[in-house]
Amino acid sequence: MSYQVLARKWRPRTFEDMVGQEHVLQALIHALESQRLHHAYLFTGTRGVGKTTIGRLLARCLNCETGVTPNPCGECS
């Protein structure tokens, strides 16, 4: 069994799993659902607020092989 950092092991895999940052999540989910995405997003804030997690979730949604949706399949690499 390989060691995995606790923060990476329990990192949310979907927008529904995210706790907090509801206004950010609503804006991103709405943009993904309506297919009206900006050319860049800037996530700022102090450490521990979820910048990397939201960025990774957004990247998974945009790069999913099934298409751009707010719910990535989780099967594609």
N, C-alpha and C. Protein backbone atom coordinates (compact mmCIF):
# COMPACT_ATOMS: atom_id res chain seq x y z
N MET A 1 0.84 -1.17 0.00
CA MET A 1 0.00 0.00 0.00
C MET A 1 0.89 1.23 0.00
N SER A 2 0.65 2.15 -0.90
CA SER A 2 1.49 3.34 -1.01
C SER A 2 0.95 4.45 -0.11
N TYR A 3 1.87 5.26 0.37
CA TYR A 3 1.50 6.38 1.23
C TYR A 3 0.96 7.52 0.38
N GLN A 4 -0.09 8.16 0.83
CA GLN A 4 -0.67 9.29 0.13
C GLN A 4 -0.98 10.38 1.16
N VAL A 5 -0.62 11.60 0.83
CA VAL A 5 -0.87 12.72 1.74
C VAL A 5 -2.36 12.82 2.01
N LEU A 6 -2.72 13.09 3.25
CA LEU A 6 -4.12 13.12 3.66
C LEU A 6 -4.95 14.10 2.84
N ALA A 7 -4.39 15.27 2.53
CA ALA A 7 -5.12 16.28 1.76
C ALA A 7 -5.41 15.79 0.34
N ARG A 8 -4.52 15.02 -0.24
CA ARG A 8 -4.76 14.49 -1.59
C ARG A 8 -5.70 13.29 -1.57
N LYS A 9 -5.63 12.52 -0.52
CA LYS A 9 -6.48 11.33 -0.42
C LYS A 9 -7.95 11.72 -0.33
N TRP A 10 -8.25 12.75 0.42
CA TRP A 10 -9.64 13.15 0.65
C TRP A 10 -10.04 14.38 -0.15
N ARG A 11 -9.27 14.76 -1.16
CA ARG A 11 -9.61 15.92 -1.99
C ARG A 11 -10.90 15.65 -2.76
N PRO A 12 -11.82 16.62 -2.81
CA PRO A 12 -13.09 16.42 -3.53
C PRO A 12 -12.85 16.09 -5.00
N ARG A 13 -13.66 15.18 -5.53
CA ARG A 13 -13.54 14.77 -6.93
C ARG A 13 -14.64 15.36 -7.81
N THR A 14 -15.66 15.95 -7.21
CA THR A 14 -16.73 16.61 -7.97
C THR A 14 -17.09 17.91 -7.27
N PHE A 15 -17.83 18.76 -7.98
CA PHE A 15 -18.26 20.02 -7.39
C PHE A 15 -19.22 19.78 -6.22
N GLU A 16 -19.98 18.70 -6.25
CA GLU A 16 -20.91 18.40 -5.16
C GLU A 16 -20.17 18.05 -3.87
N ASP A 17 -18.95 17.53 -4.00
CA ASP A 17 -18.17 17.17 -2.81
C ASP A 17 -17.51 18.37 -2.14
N MET A 18 -17.44 19.48 -2.85
CA MET A 18 -16.79 20.68 -2.29
C MET A 18 -17.60 21.26 -1.14
N VAL A 19 -16.91 21.68 -0.11
CA VAL A 19 -17.53 22.33 1.05
C VAL A 19 -17.04 23.77 1.08
N GLY A 20 -17.97 24.70 1.15
CA GLY A 20 -17.60 26.11 1.14
C GLY A 20 -17.46 26.63 -0.28
N GLN A 21 -17.20 27.91 -0.42
CA GLN A 21 -17.01 28.56 -1.72
C GLN A 21 -18.22 28.38 -2.63
N GLU A 22 -19.42 28.46 -2.06
CA GLU A 22 -20.63 28.23 -2.85
C GLU A 22 -20.77 29.21 -4.01
N HIS A 23 -20.41 30.47 -3.80
CA HIS A 23 -20.56 31.47 -4.87
C HIS A 23 -19.62 31.16 -6.03
N VAL A 24 -18.45 30.67 -5.75
CA VAL A 24 -17.51 30.30 -6.81
C VAL A 24 -18.02 29.06 -7.54
N LEU A 25 -18.47 28.09 -6.80
CA LEU A 25 -18.97 26.86 -7.40
C LEU A 25 -20.19 27.12 -8.28
N GLN A 26 -21.11 27.96 -7.81
CA GLN A 26 -22.30 28.27 -8.61
C GLN A 26 -21.91 28.95 -9.91
N ALA A 27 -20.97 29.88 -9.87
CA ALA A 27 -20.54 30.58 -11.08
C ALA A 27 -19.90 29.61 -12.07
N LEU A 28 -19.04 28.72 -11.59
CA LEU A 28 -18.38 27.77 -12.48
C LEU A 28 -19.35 26.74 -13.04
N ILE A 29 -20.24 26.23 -12.21
CA ILE A 29 -21.22 25.26 -12.68
C ILE A 29 -22.13 25.88 -13.73
N HIS A 30 -22.57 27.11 -13.48
CA HIS A 30 -23.42 27.80 -14.46
C HIS A 30 -22.68 28.02 -15.77
N ALA A 31 -21.41 28.41 -15.70
CA ALA A 31 -20.63 28.62 -16.92
C ALA A 31 -20.46 27.31 -17.69
N LEU A 32 -20.23 26.21 -16.99
CA LEU A 32 -20.07 24.92 -17.66
C LEU A 32 -21.38 24.44 -18.26
N GLU A 33 -22.48 24.63 -17.55
CA GLU A 33 -23.78 24.19 -18.07
C GLU A 33 -24.21 24.98 -19.30
N SER A 34 -23.94 26.28 -19.30
CA SER A 34 -24.37 27.12 -20.41
C SER A 34 -23.32 27.21 -21.52
N GLN A 35 -22.18 26.52 -21.34
CA GLN A 35 -21.09 26.52 -22.32
C GLN A 35 -20.59 27.94 -22.61
N ARG A 36 -20.59 28.80 -21.61
CA ARG A 36 -20.10 30.18 -21.76
C ARG A 36 -18.93 30.38 -20.80
N LEU A 37 -17.78 29.85 -21.20
CA LEU A 37 -16.60 29.90 -20.36
C LEU A 37 -15.70 31.06 -20.77
N HIS A 38 -15.05 31.66 -19.81
CA HIS A 38 -14.08 32.71 -20.08
C HIS A 38 -12.77 32.07 -20.55
N HIS A 39 -11.90 32.89 -21.12
CA HIS A 39 -10.65 32.34 -21.62
C HIS A 39 -9.63 32.13 -20.50
N ALA A 40 -9.86 32.69 -19.32
CA ALA A 40 -8.96 32.50 -18.18
C ALA A 40 -9.72 32.69 -16.87
N TYR A 41 -9.27 31.99 -15.85
CA TYR A 41 -9.81 32.13 -14.50
C TYR A 41 -8.64 32.32 -13.55
N LEU A 42 -8.78 33.25 -12.62
CA LEU A 42 -7.73 33.53 -11.65
C LEU A 42 -8.27 33.20 -10.26
N PHE A 43 -7.69 32.19 -9.64
CA PHE A 43 -8.10 31.80 -8.29
C PHE A 43 -7.09 32.38 -7.30
N THR A 44 -7.56 33.24 -6.41
CA THR A 44 -6.67 33.86 -5.44
C THR A 44 -7.22 33.64 -4.03
N GLY A 45 -6.37 33.84 -3.06
CA GLY A 45 -6.77 33.72 -1.66
C GLY A 45 -5.65 33.13 -0.83
N THR A 46 -5.90 33.08 0.46
CA THR A 46 -4.90 32.52 1.36
C THR A 46 -4.84 31.01 1.19
N ARG A 47 -3.80 30.43 1.73
CA ARG A 47 -3.66 28.98 1.54
C ARG A 47 -4.72 28.23 2.33
N GLY A 48 -5.17 27.15 1.72
CA GLY A 48 -6.16 26.32 2.39
C GLY A 48 -7.61 26.64 2.06
N VAL A 49 -7.85 27.56 1.11
CA VAL A 49 -9.24 27.91 0.80
C VAL A 49 -9.80 27.12 -0.37
N GLY A 50 -8.97 26.34 -1.08
CA GLY A 50 -9.48 25.49 -2.15
C GLY A 50 -9.13 25.92 -3.56
N LYS A 51 -8.13 26.77 -3.73
CA LYS A 51 -7.76 27.24 -5.07
C LYS A 51 -7.33 26.08 -5.96
N THR A 52 -6.44 25.26 -5.48
CA THR A 52 -5.93 24.14 -6.27
C THR A 52 -7.03 23.12 -6.53
N THR A 53 -7.84 22.86 -5.54
CA THR A 53 -8.92 21.88 -5.69
C THR A 53 -9.92 22.33 -6.75
N ILE A 54 -10.33 23.59 -6.70
CA ILE A 54 -11.28 24.10 -7.69
C ILE A 54 -10.64 24.12 -9.07
N GLY A 55 -9.37 24.49 -9.15
CA GLY A 55 -8.67 24.48 -10.43
C GLY A 55 -8.59 23.08 -11.03
N ARG A 56 -8.30 22.09 -10.20
CA ARG A 56 -8.24 20.71 -10.68
C ARG A 56 -9.61 20.20 -11.12
N LEU A 57 -10.64 20.55 -10.36
CA LEU A 57 -12.00 20.15 -10.75
C LEU A 57 -12.40 20.78 -12.07
N LEU A 58 -12.10 22.06 -12.23
CA LEU A 58 -12.42 22.75 -13.49
C LEU A 58 -11.67 22.11 -14.65
N ALA A 59 -10.40 21.78 -14.45
CA ALA A 59 -9.62 21.13 -15.51
C ALA A 59 -10.20 19.77 -15.87
N ARG A 60 -10.64 19.01 -14.86
CA ARG A 60 -11.26 17.71 -15.14
C ARG A 60 -12.54 17.87 -15.94
N CYS A 61 -13.32 18.90 -15.62
CA CYS A 61 -14.57 19.14 -16.35
C CYS A 61 -14.30 19.55 -17.80
N LEU A 62 -13.30 20.36 -18.01
CA LEU A 62 -13.00 20.85 -19.35
C LEU A 62 -12.33 19.80 -20.22
N ASN A 63 -11.55 18.91 -19.62
CA ASN A 63 -10.78 17.93 -20.39
C ASN A 63 -11.43 16.55 -20.44
N CYS A 64 -12.62 16.41 -19.93
CA CYS A 64 -13.30 15.11 -19.93
C CYS A 64 -13.60 14.67 -21.36
N GLU A 65 -13.37 13.40 -21.64
CA GLU A 65 -13.58 12.88 -22.99
C GLU A 65 -15.05 12.82 -23.38
N THR A 66 -15.96 12.83 -22.41
CA THR A 66 -17.39 12.79 -22.72
C THR A 66 -17.93 14.17 -23.06
N GLY A 67 -17.13 15.20 -22.92
CA GLY A 67 -17.56 16.56 -23.24
C GLY A 67 -17.48 17.46 -22.02
N VAL A 68 -17.67 18.75 -22.26
CA VAL A 68 -17.59 19.74 -21.19
C VAL A 68 -18.90 19.73 -20.42
N THR A 69 -18.84 19.24 -19.18
CA THR A 69 -20.00 19.20 -18.30
C THR A 69 -19.55 19.53 -16.88
N PRO A 70 -20.47 19.94 -16.01
CA PRO A 70 -20.09 20.18 -14.62
C PRO A 70 -19.83 18.90 -13.83
N ASN A 71 -20.14 17.75 -14.41
CA ASN A 71 -19.91 16.46 -13.74
C ASN A 71 -19.00 15.60 -14.61
N PRO A 72 -17.68 15.62 -14.36
CA PRO A 72 -16.78 14.80 -15.16
C PRO A 72 -17.02 13.31 -14.90
N CYS A 73 -16.70 12.49 -15.88
CA CYS A 73 -16.96 11.06 -15.77
C CYS A 73 -16.08 10.40 -14.71
N GLY A 74 -14.86 10.90 -14.54
CA GLY A 74 -13.95 10.32 -13.57
C GLY A 74 -13.21 9.09 -14.07
N GLU A 75 -13.44 8.71 -15.31
CA GLU A 75 -12.80 7.52 -15.86
C GLU A 75 -11.66 7.86 -16.81
N CYS A 76 -11.73 9.02 -17.46
CA CYS A 76 -10.67 9.38 -18.40
C CYS A 76 -9.47 9.93 -17.63
N SER A 77 -8.32 9.82 -18.22
CA SER A 77 -7.10 10.21 -17.52
C SER A 77 -6.88 11.66 -17.53
